[in-house]
Protein backbone atom coordinates (compact mmCIF):
# COMPACT_ATOMS: atom_id res chain seq x y z
CA MET A 1 -8.70 -26.32 -16.23
CA SER A 2 -11.19 -23.42 -15.56
CA ALA A 3 -9.66 -19.73 -14.99
CA VAL A 4 -12.36 -19.30 -12.66
CA GLN A 5 -10.98 -19.87 -8.89
CA LYS A 6 -13.07 -21.02 -6.11
CA LYS A 7 -13.39 -19.32 -2.70
CA LEU A 8 -11.35 -20.65 0.00
CA SER A 9 -13.11 -21.97 2.93
CA ARG A 10 -12.15 -20.32 6.24
CA ARG A 11 -10.30 -23.68 7.59
CA ASP A 12 -8.45 -24.01 4.06
CA PHE A 13 -7.06 -20.88 4.00
CA LEU A 14 -6.26 -20.66 7.78
CA ARG A 15 -4.44 -24.23 7.00
CA SER A 16 -2.65 -22.72 3.92
CA SER A 17 -1.43 -19.58 5.93
CA ALA A 18 0.17 -22.18 8.49
CA VAL A 19 -1.32 -20.12 11.41
CA ALA A 20 -1.62 -22.24 14.56
CA ALA A 21 -2.12 -19.86 17.34
CA ALA A 22 -5.50 -18.32 18.00
CA GLY A 23 -5.76 -14.82 19.49
CA VAL A 24 -8.78 -13.69 21.46
CA LEU A 25 -10.08 -10.33 22.41
CA LEU A 26 -13.25 -8.81 23.84
CA VAL A 27 -16.33 -8.42 21.34
CA GLY A 28 -18.13 -5.35 21.63
CA CYS A 29 -21.86 -5.48 22.75
CA SER A 30 -24.57 -3.33 23.60
CA ALA A 31 -25.00 -2.05 27.30
CA PRO A 32 -28.74 -2.26 28.42
CA ALA A 33 -30.84 0.69 28.55
CA ALA A 34 -31.52 2.15 31.75
CA ALA A 35 -35.28 1.41 33.04
CA PRO A 36 -37.57 4.37 32.76
CA GLN A 37 -38.48 6.19 35.74
CA ALA A 38 -42.24 6.53 37.08
CA ALA A 39 -43.53 10.06 36.09
CA PRO A 40 -44.42 12.19 38.87
CA ALA A 41 -48.14 13.45 39.20
CA SER A 42 -48.95 16.77 37.90
CA SER A 43 -50.41 19.52 39.91
CA GLY A 44 -53.52 19.00 37.97
CA GLY A 45 -53.98 15.38 39.32
CA GLU A 46 -52.77 13.98 35.99
CA ALA A 47 -49.62 12.16 35.28
CA ALA A 48 -46.87 14.10 33.53
CA SER A 49 -45.01 12.59 30.28
CA ALA A 50 -42.43 10.37 30.99
CA PRO A 51 -38.95 11.66 30.41
CA ALA A 52 -37.31 10.14 27.36
CA ALA A 53 -34.73 7.17 28.63
CA PRO A 54 -31.18 7.71 28.00
CA ALA A 55 -29.88 6.72 24.58
CA GLU A 56 -28.37 3.30 24.32
CA THR A 57 -24.40 3.49 24.40
CA THR A 58 -22.90 1.16 21.82
CA ALA A 59 -19.60 -0.62 22.49
CA LEU A 60 -17.44 -1.31 19.39
CA ASN A 61 -14.04 -2.81 18.69
CA PHE A 62 -11.36 -1.28 16.41
CA TRP A 63 -8.02 -2.82 15.55
CA LEU A 64 -5.50 -0.01 14.64
CA TRP A 65 -2.27 -0.89 13.20
CA ASN A 66 0.61 1.49 13.89
CA THR A 67 2.22 3.09 10.81
CA PHE A 68 5.82 4.23 10.51
CA ALA A 69 4.43 7.99 11.44
CA PRO A 70 3.62 7.83 15.27
CA ASP A 71 2.14 11.17 15.10
CA ALA A 72 -0.32 9.88 12.71
CA ASP A 73 -1.17 7.16 14.95
CA GLU A 74 -1.89 9.15 17.88
CA ILE A 75 -4.24 11.55 15.91
CA MET A 76 -6.19 8.45 14.73
CA GLN A 77 -6.76 7.31 18.24
CA THR A 78 -7.63 10.61 19.37
CA LYS A 79 -9.96 11.29 16.80
CA LEU A 80 -11.81 7.62 16.90
CA ASN A 81 -12.44 8.44 20.74
CA GLU A 82 -13.67 12.02 19.87
CA TRP A 83 -16.10 10.47 17.38
CA ALA A 84 -17.02 7.70 20.01
CA ALA A 85 -17.86 10.41 22.53
CA ALA A 86 -19.96 12.54 19.98
CA ASN A 87 -21.93 9.53 18.94
CA ASN A 88 -23.06 7.72 21.97
CA ALA A 89 -20.31 4.84 21.63
CA THR A 90 -17.58 3.67 23.32
CA ILE A 91 -14.48 2.04 21.22
CA GLU A 92 -12.15 -0.55 22.50
CA ILE A 93 -9.03 0.22 20.46
CA SER A 94 -6.26 -2.36 19.99
CA ARG A 95 -3.05 -1.33 18.66
CA ASP A 96 -0.46 -3.49 16.90
CA SER A 97 2.47 -3.44 14.46
CA ASP A 98 2.02 -4.25 10.88
CA ALA A 99 4.16 -7.21 11.34
CA ASN A 100 1.63 -8.89 13.48
CA MET A 101 -1.43 -8.56 10.93
CA GLN A 102 -1.64 -11.88 9.73
CA THR A 103 -0.69 -13.60 13.20
CA LYS A 104 -3.60 -12.04 14.62
CA VAL A 105 -6.21 -11.60 12.05
CA MET A 106 -6.02 -15.26 11.06
CA PRO A 107 -6.58 -16.74 14.34
CA GLY A 108 -9.20 -14.23 14.94
CA ILE A 109 -11.29 -15.24 11.88
CA GLU A 110 -10.98 -18.79 13.06
CA ALA A 111 -12.28 -18.04 16.65
CA GLY A 112 -14.70 -15.49 15.76
CA THR A 113 -13.28 -12.78 17.50
CA LEU A 114 -12.55 -10.15 14.71
CA PRO A 115 -13.37 -6.51 15.98
CA ASP A 116 -16.35 -4.79 14.37
CA ALA A 117 -14.06 -2.76 12.23
CA MET A 118 -10.41 -2.48 11.76
CA PHE A 119 -7.38 -1.16 9.60
CA ILE A 120 -5.86 -3.69 7.52
CA SER A 121 -3.45 -3.84 4.63
CA GLY A 122 -4.77 -4.52 1.10
CA ALA A 123 -3.22 -7.73 0.62
CA VAL A 124 -4.56 -9.11 3.95
CA ALA A 125 -7.89 -7.72 3.17
CA LEU A 126 -8.03 -9.79 -0.13
CA GLN A 127 -6.86 -12.94 2.00
CA MET A 128 -10.11 -12.14 4.60
CA MET A 129 -12.43 -11.87 1.35
CA ASP A 130 -11.46 -15.26 0.34
CA ALA A 131 -11.72 -16.56 3.93
CA GLN A 132 -15.45 -15.11 3.71
CA ALA A 133 -14.65 -13.10 7.03
CA LEU A 134 -15.75 -9.60 5.68
CA ALA A 135 -19.11 -7.97 5.37
CA ASP A 136 -20.06 -6.71 1.98
CA GLN A 137 -18.96 -2.81 1.43
CA THR A 138 -20.38 -2.38 -1.89
CA ASP A 139 -23.06 0.06 -1.26
CA LEU A 140 -20.85 1.89 1.07
CA PHE A 141 -17.94 2.13 -1.44
CA ALA A 142 -20.42 3.94 -3.54
CA GLU A 143 -21.75 6.13 -0.96
CA ILE A 144 -18.12 7.41 0.26
CA GLY A 145 -17.24 7.97 -3.30
CA ASP A 146 -20.08 10.14 -4.16
CA ALA A 147 -19.86 11.89 -1.07
CA HIS A 148 -15.93 12.70 -1.44
CA GLY A 149 -15.66 13.56 -5.16
CA GLY A 150 -14.97 9.97 -6.14
CA TRP A 151 -12.17 7.54 -5.62
CA GLN A 152 -8.69 7.78 -7.01
CA PRO A 153 -8.08 5.74 -10.44
CA ARG A 154 -8.41 2.20 -10.66
CA LEU A 155 -9.44 1.74 -7.18
CA ASP A 156 -12.92 0.84 -8.05
CA THR A 157 -11.88 -2.12 -9.95
CA TYR A 158 -9.20 -3.38 -7.66
CA SER A 159 -11.35 -3.10 -4.52
CA THR A 160 -14.39 -5.53 -6.68
CA ARG A 161 -14.23 -9.14 -6.60
CA ASP A 162 -16.99 -10.81 -8.56
CA GLY A 163 -19.10 -7.82 -8.32
CA VAL A 164 -18.57 -7.25 -4.55
CA VAL A 165 -16.53 -4.78 -2.63
CA GLY A 166 -15.17 -6.17 0.48
CA PHE A 167 -12.71 -3.72 2.03
CA LEU A 168 -12.61 0.20 1.55
CA PRO A 169 -9.30 1.77 0.61
CA TYR A 170 -7.85 4.15 2.92
CA SER A 171 -4.35 5.12 1.92
CA ILE A 172 -2.02 4.69 -1.05
CA ASP A 173 1.68 3.72 -0.44
CA THR A 174 3.36 5.02 -3.31
CA PRO A 175 7.20 4.39 -3.15
CA MET A 176 8.89 7.07 -5.22
CA VAL A 177 12.06 8.39 -6.37
CA GLN A 178 13.93 10.45 -3.48
CA TYR A 179 16.89 12.21 -4.53
CA ARG A 180 19.57 14.75 -3.22
CA LYS A 181 18.47 17.62 -4.92
CA ASP A 182 21.32 19.68 -3.49
CA ILE A 183 23.83 17.69 -4.83
CA TYR A 184 22.23 17.69 -8.36
CA ALA A 185 21.99 21.54 -8.12
CA ASN A 186 25.66 21.78 -6.97
CA ALA A 187 26.68 19.70 -9.97
CA GLY A 188 24.58 22.06 -12.50
CA VAL A 189 21.89 19.36 -13.12
CA THR A 190 18.31 20.56 -13.81
CA VAL A 191 16.21 17.91 -13.02
CA PRO A 192 12.58 17.52 -14.39
CA GLU A 193 9.45 18.78 -12.68
CA GLY A 194 7.19 16.01 -11.80
CA GLN A 195 7.91 12.47 -13.44
CA TRP A 196 11.41 11.61 -14.78
CA THR A 197 11.98 9.34 -17.62
CA TRP A 198 14.24 6.45 -17.22
CA ASP A 199 16.68 8.06 -19.29
CA GLU A 200 16.87 11.28 -17.35
CA THR A 201 17.28 9.04 -14.35
CA ARG A 202 20.08 7.66 -15.75
CA ASP A 203 21.80 10.45 -17.57
CA LEU A 204 21.25 13.36 -14.92
CA THR A 205 22.23 11.28 -12.04
CA LEU A 206 25.68 10.05 -14.10
CA GLU A 207 26.39 14.12 -14.36
CA ALA A 208 25.86 14.45 -10.34
CA THR A 209 27.84 11.27 -9.47
CA LYS A 210 30.94 12.36 -11.65
CA TRP A 211 30.66 16.14 -10.04
CA SER A 212 30.77 14.25 -6.73
CA GLU A 213 33.83 12.25 -7.74
CA GLU A 214 35.60 15.47 -8.90
CA GLN A 215 35.04 16.92 -5.50
CA GLY A 216 36.83 13.98 -3.68
CA GLU A 217 33.98 12.09 -2.46
CA LYS A 218 31.88 9.76 -4.78
CA LEU A 219 28.69 9.40 -4.35
CA TYR A 220 26.78 6.15 -5.81
CA GLY A 221 23.96 7.26 -8.10
CA TRP A 222 21.30 4.45 -7.59
CA GLY A 223 20.69 2.83 -4.14
CA PHE A 224 18.88 -0.36 -5.95
CA GLY A 225 19.18 -3.74 -5.05
CA ILE A 226 20.09 -6.72 -7.49
CA VAL A 227 18.30 -9.51 -6.02
CA LYS A 228 15.52 -12.03 -7.25
CA LEU A 229 12.93 -11.31 -4.70
CA THR A 230 13.44 -7.99 -2.79
CA HIS A 231 14.35 -5.33 -5.43
CA ASP A 232 12.90 -2.15 -4.01
CA GLY A 233 10.16 -1.81 -6.50
CA TRP A 234 12.43 -0.53 -9.25
CA CYS A 235 12.55 -3.93 -11.35
CA SER A 236 8.85 -4.23 -11.62
CA ASP A 237 8.37 -0.56 -12.46
CA LEU A 238 11.21 -0.57 -15.17
CA PHE A 239 9.69 -3.52 -16.96
CA ARG A 240 5.96 -2.25 -16.68
CA ASN A 241 7.21 1.21 -18.00
CA TYR A 242 8.85 -0.49 -20.88
CA GLY A 243 5.70 -2.25 -21.74
CA ALA A 244 7.00 -5.55 -20.67
CA ASP A 245 3.95 -7.74 -19.14
CA VAL A 246 4.68 -11.50 -17.68
CA TRP A 247 1.00 -12.12 -17.91
CA ASP A 248 -2.15 -10.67 -19.91
CA GLU A 249 -4.82 -8.49 -18.92
CA SER A 250 -6.99 -11.52 -17.78
CA GLY A 251 -4.00 -12.22 -15.14
CA THR A 252 -4.41 -16.16 -16.19
CA LYS A 253 -1.89 -16.53 -19.28
CA ILE A 254 1.57 -16.10 -19.07
CA ILE A 255 2.59 -14.05 -22.31
CA LEU A 256 6.23 -13.12 -21.28
CA ALA A 257 8.29 -14.77 -24.28
CA ASP A 258 5.17 -15.20 -26.67
CA GLU A 259 3.95 -11.48 -26.74
CA LYS A 260 6.50 -9.34 -24.90
CA ALA A 261 10.04 -10.44 -25.50
CA ALA A 262 11.10 -7.28 -27.18
CA GLU A 263 9.77 -5.10 -24.52
CA ALA A 264 11.50 -7.08 -21.80
CA THR A 265 14.84 -7.17 -23.86
CA ALA A 266 14.74 -3.39 -23.83
CA ALA A 267 14.18 -3.15 -20.25
CA LEU A 268 16.89 -5.74 -19.31
CA ASN A 269 19.18 -3.97 -21.88
CA PHE A 270 18.58 -0.50 -20.30
CA ALA A 271 19.26 -2.13 -16.52
CA LYS A 272 22.57 -3.70 -17.89
CA GLU A 273 23.85 -0.46 -19.32
CA SER A 274 23.05 1.37 -16.14
CA TYR A 275 24.93 -1.29 -14.32
CA ASP A 276 28.10 -1.15 -16.49
CA LEU A 277 27.93 2.80 -16.21
CA GLY A 278 28.99 2.25 -12.42
CA LEU A 279 25.23 3.72 -11.16
CA PHE A 280 24.72 0.67 -8.70
CA PRO A 281 26.59 0.40 -5.36
CA PRO A 282 28.97 -2.34 -5.07
CA ASP A 283 26.88 -4.27 -2.53
CA ALA A 284 23.87 -4.02 -4.55
CA ALA A 285 23.65 -8.18 -4.74
CA ALA A 286 23.14 -8.22 -1.00
CA TYR A 287 20.61 -5.27 -0.79
CA ASP A 288 17.51 -5.37 0.82
CA TYR A 289 14.88 -2.50 1.90
CA ALA A 290 16.88 -1.76 5.09
CA ALA A 291 19.93 -1.28 3.03
CA ASN A 292 18.08 1.01 0.64
CA ASN A 293 17.28 3.19 3.62
CA LYS A 294 20.63 3.29 5.03
CA PHE A 295 22.21 4.07 1.66
CA TYR A 296 20.25 7.50 1.36
CA LEU A 297 19.95 8.28 5.39
CA GLU A 298 23.61 7.84 5.67
CA LYS A 299 24.42 9.89 2.44
CA GLN A 300 26.18 7.28 0.66
CA GLY A 301 24.37 8.00 -2.68
CA LEU A 302 21.95 10.17 -4.74
CA LEU A 303 18.77 8.28 -5.40
CA VAL A 304 16.66 5.67 -4.10
CA ILE A 305 13.21 3.91 -4.87
CA ASN A 306 11.22 3.30 -1.75
CA ALA A 307 8.48 4.16 0.31
CA ALA A 308 8.34 7.81 1.54
CA SER A 309 9.11 6.99 4.99
CA ILE A 310 12.54 7.72 4.12
CA TYR A 311 11.74 11.35 3.43
CA VAL A 312 9.59 11.54 6.58
CA GLY A 313 12.19 9.82 8.78
CA ALA A 314 14.68 12.34 7.45
CA GLN A 315 12.25 15.21 8.54
CA ALA A 316 12.23 13.75 12.37
CA ASN A 317 15.65 12.92 12.43
CA ASP A 318 18.02 14.70 9.90
CA PRO A 319 16.00 18.05 8.80
CA GLU A 320 18.84 19.16 6.79
CA LEU A 321 18.79 15.98 4.64
CA ALA A 322 14.92 16.32 4.37
CA GLU A 323 15.22 19.95 3.29
CA ASN A 324 17.83 18.68 0.72
CA THR A 325 15.53 15.85 -0.45
CA GLY A 326 13.62 15.99 -3.59
CA LEU A 327 10.65 13.69 -4.22
CA ALA A 328 9.03 12.57 -7.80
CA PRO A 329 7.06 9.45 -8.87
CA LYS A 330 8.91 6.68 -10.10
CA PRO A 331 10.29 7.06 -13.65
CA LYS A 332 8.30 6.43 -16.91
CA ALA A 333 9.23 5.24 -20.51
CA VAL A 334 6.50 3.84 -22.61
CA ARG A 335 4.36 3.88 -19.90
CA ASP A 336 3.83 6.27 -16.93
CA THR A 337 2.17 4.22 -14.43
CA THR A 338 4.07 3.25 -11.08
CA ASP A 339 3.31 0.36 -8.75
CA ALA A 340 1.19 1.25 -5.61
CA SER A 341 -0.22 -0.36 -2.75
CA LEU A 342 -3.19 0.01 -0.47
CA ARG A 343 -1.42 -0.04 3.03
CA TYR A 344 -4.40 0.58 4.85
CA THR A 345 -7.91 -0.20 4.11
CA VAL A 346 -11.13 -0.27 6.28
CA VAL A 347 -12.84 -3.59 6.63
CA GLN A 348 -15.82 -4.63 8.82
CA SER A 349 -16.47 -8.31 10.06
CA ALA A 350 -19.13 -10.41 8.49
CA LYS A 351 -19.99 -11.35 12.09
CA GLY A 352 -19.56 -7.96 13.76
CA LYS A 353 -22.11 -7.27 16.75
CA ASN A 354 -22.95 -3.74 16.02
CA PRO A 355 -23.03 -3.39 11.99
CA GLU A 356 -24.88 -0.24 11.96
CA LYS A 357 -22.85 1.79 14.59
CA SER A 358 -19.68 0.39 12.91
CA THR A 359 -20.97 1.58 9.70
CA GLU A 360 -21.42 5.07 11.13
CA LEU A 361 -17.62 5.01 12.25
CA VAL A 362 -16.36 4.01 8.99
CA ARG A 363 -18.42 6.70 7.08
CA ALA A 364 -16.75 9.23 9.50
CA LEU A 365 -13.31 7.84 9.16
CA TYR A 366 -13.50 9.59 5.51
CA ASP A 367 -14.75 12.95 6.83
CA SER A 368 -12.21 15.89 6.55
CA GLU A 369 -12.09 16.29 10.37
CA ILE A 370 -10.48 12.91 10.55
CA TYR A 371 -8.98 12.17 7.41
CA ALA A 372 -7.11 15.24 6.61
CA PRO A 373 -5.31 15.90 9.68
CA TRP A 374 -4.05 12.01 9.79
CA LEU A 375 -2.90 12.33 6.27
CA GLU A 376 -0.95 15.53 7.18
CA ALA A 377 0.96 13.69 9.91
CA GLY A 378 1.69 10.68 7.83
CA PHE A 379 3.50 9.55 4.65
CA VAL A 380 0.96 8.23 2.54
CA ALA A 381 -1.51 9.60 -0.21
CA ASN A 382 -5.21 9.82 -0.39
CA VAL A 383 -7.70 7.68 -1.68
CA LEU A 384 -10.46 10.48 -2.41
CA LYS A 385 -10.28 13.22 -4.84
CA GLU A 386 -11.79 15.70 -2.53
CA TYR A 387 -8.48 15.59 -0.67
CA ASP A 388 -6.31 16.61 -3.89
CA SER A 389 -6.38 20.05 -2.85
CA LEU A 390 -5.39 19.89 0.35
CA PRO A 391 -2.46 22.34 1.06
CA MET A 392 -0.11 19.57 2.12
CA TRP A 393 0.17 18.59 -1.66
CA GLU A 394 1.96 21.73 -2.48
CA GLY A 395 5.65 21.88 -2.65
CA THR A 396 7.87 18.50 -2.09
CA ARG A 397 5.04 16.53 -1.10
CA LYS A 398 2.93 17.15 -4.12
CA ALA A 399 4.85 14.01 -5.43
CA PHE A 400 2.71 11.73 -3.22
CA ASN A 401 -0.39 12.73 -4.70
CA LEU A 402 0.80 12.60 -8.43
CA ALA A 403 2.13 9.07 -7.55
CA ALA A 404 -0.93 7.83 -6.23
CA GLN A 405 -2.96 9.28 -9.35
CA ILE A 406 -0.67 7.34 -11.87
CA GLY A 407 -0.31 4.07 -9.55
CA THR A 408 -1.39 0.78 -10.46
CA TYR A 409 -2.30 -2.09 -8.12
CA GLY A 410 -1.22 -5.63 -7.75
CA GLY A 411 -1.92 -7.86 -10.75
CA TYR A 412 -1.12 -5.07 -13.31
CA PRO A 413 -1.97 -5.21 -16.40
CA ALA A 414 -4.88 -7.43 -14.80
CA PRO A 415 -7.26 -5.29 -13.00
CA PHE A 416 -6.62 -7.20 -9.77
CA ASP A 417 -4.47 -9.89 -8.40
CA ASN A 418 -5.02 -13.46 -7.73
CA ALA A 419 -3.63 -16.63 -6.19
CA ALA A 420 -1.36 -17.66 -9.05
CA ILE A 421 -0.21 -13.88 -9.34
CA ALA A 422 0.72 -13.92 -5.42
CA GLU A 423 2.74 -17.13 -5.60
CA LEU A 424 4.52 -16.42 -8.49
CA ASN A 425 5.61 -12.76 -7.41
CA GLY A 426 6.12 -14.04 -3.65
CA SER A 427 8.52 -17.06 -5.00
CA PRO A 428 12.29 -16.61 -4.16
CA ASP A 429 12.68 -16.98 -8.15
CA SER A 430 9.97 -14.27 -8.91
CA PRO A 431 10.37 -13.84 -12.59
CA VAL A 432 11.42 -9.92 -13.19
CA GLY A 433 13.93 -10.15 -10.12
CA SER A 434 15.34 -13.31 -11.52
CA MET A 435 15.76 -12.09 -15.03
CA VAL A 436 17.69 -8.70 -13.51
CA VAL A 437 19.85 -11.10 -11.95
CA ARG A 438 20.63 -13.24 -14.54
CA VAL A 439 21.56 -10.35 -16.86
CA LEU A 440 23.54 -8.11 -14.57
CA LEU A 441 25.19 -10.58 -12.35
CA ASP A 442 25.27 -13.80 -14.00
CA GLY A 443 26.20 -12.65 -17.53
CA TRP A 444 23.09 -13.99 -19.43
CA THR A 445 21.91 -12.52 -22.53
CA PRO A 446 18.42 -11.26 -22.16
CA GLU A 447 17.00 -13.94 -24.45
CA ASP A 448 18.06 -16.71 -21.90
CA ALA A 449 16.91 -14.90 -19.02
CA ILE A 450 13.70 -13.98 -20.66
CA ALA A 451 13.16 -17.90 -21.58
CA GLU A 452 14.14 -19.32 -18.18
CA ALA A 453 11.60 -16.65 -16.54
CA ASP A 454 8.98 -17.61 -19.02
CA GLU A 455 9.23 -21.45 -18.53
CA PHE A 456 9.00 -21.00 -14.74
CA SER A 457 6.10 -18.61 -14.86
CA LYS A 458 4.04 -20.89 -16.92
CA ARG A 459 5.00 -23.94 -14.66
CA VAL A 460 3.67 -21.73 -11.56
CA PHE A 461 0.06 -20.87 -13.37
CA SER A 462 -0.47 -24.26 -14.89
CA LYS A 463 -1.13 -25.28 -11.31
CA TYR A 464 -4.31 -22.64 -11.30
CA PHE A 465 -5.45 -22.34 -14.79
């Protein structure tokens, strides 16, 4: 079967997404220009030149998805309206939560009611590309990159499908190490500057955990979940860092058992040793992302890996904890890359009513008057190199920017993901999490866990390639 996949039709894609409801929003349109007035006669008996007709006002629709940083949302809405007032436009802004993205977007594709432009996650943007719902952004991608010092590494290849850019990255979500720097310091542990190694993450946390126990209140070391599907990002990074890949660089062939068994074994052995040392909390098998947040924000342990929204939340609700929180990119081993996602991208509808004015707006979104204050109020990292020098990246928050620069996106080691990878990673038996559960909880050998995950992964990929 050919490794080249066909584009999905709109209807096929909508059917596969199992979306039944249709959402309808007002579509922006241009207001008619005022009719020119008759010119008064001049004192010399000749008609004076007619005054210029007022400029035509353009109406745009924009969908703004709420972040976990409300101040950033308010800044963005204010900036959008300021831009409109200064550029002879009006903007109808619709705000909604992340959870409603697909339920609102996919019916909009079917009904032809998508806005002129919108923020959307990278994952949904890819689905919209497959549904042929997005305008070509190839030239605009190059233009914006040239105007702002270039894009962060790997964004060019990840944003391109079959030579076309359909979405413009707007922010990089970089889950990272968040740790109790006060406890490490009190325990006499000196933490590394920048990115830690996995060995350091284990050994230094064990020291701090032992110290806390000696003080009469043991804090668990790692707030990591041990479940097949939701594993807080630590499992996939651990495997990647040890050089263990499930598929090859083409994203079409499973190589786990045939080519990467030694690397996968090393990653599993490290995880098992850390588990046996007592670094994981007793309820790790029941963890999800919310439990991870609770573990840290309720001061049950020393270190988590999750989105920087934990740190931002502590700044708002527990300033003392935020002051005692350190940030670092997720650990490294053979590789230093960490996983990252495009939490927000900018897209334009393929059927937008005002593409020229919409494009003007999209350009403006990346200018410092809008982009810099929005970044400052949020918890994401910048996509353009111009903004690497912002003062906000000094001190604790510099870890955001460093993690973004070494981050990789869906499908790694392939340059981008595909439907087979999406199904495999979204399965209840996703291979990396399943291998960790088998070895840490079920007592399997790494060899048996790898063989099972390899067989399952090949079965999924055989449906596509």
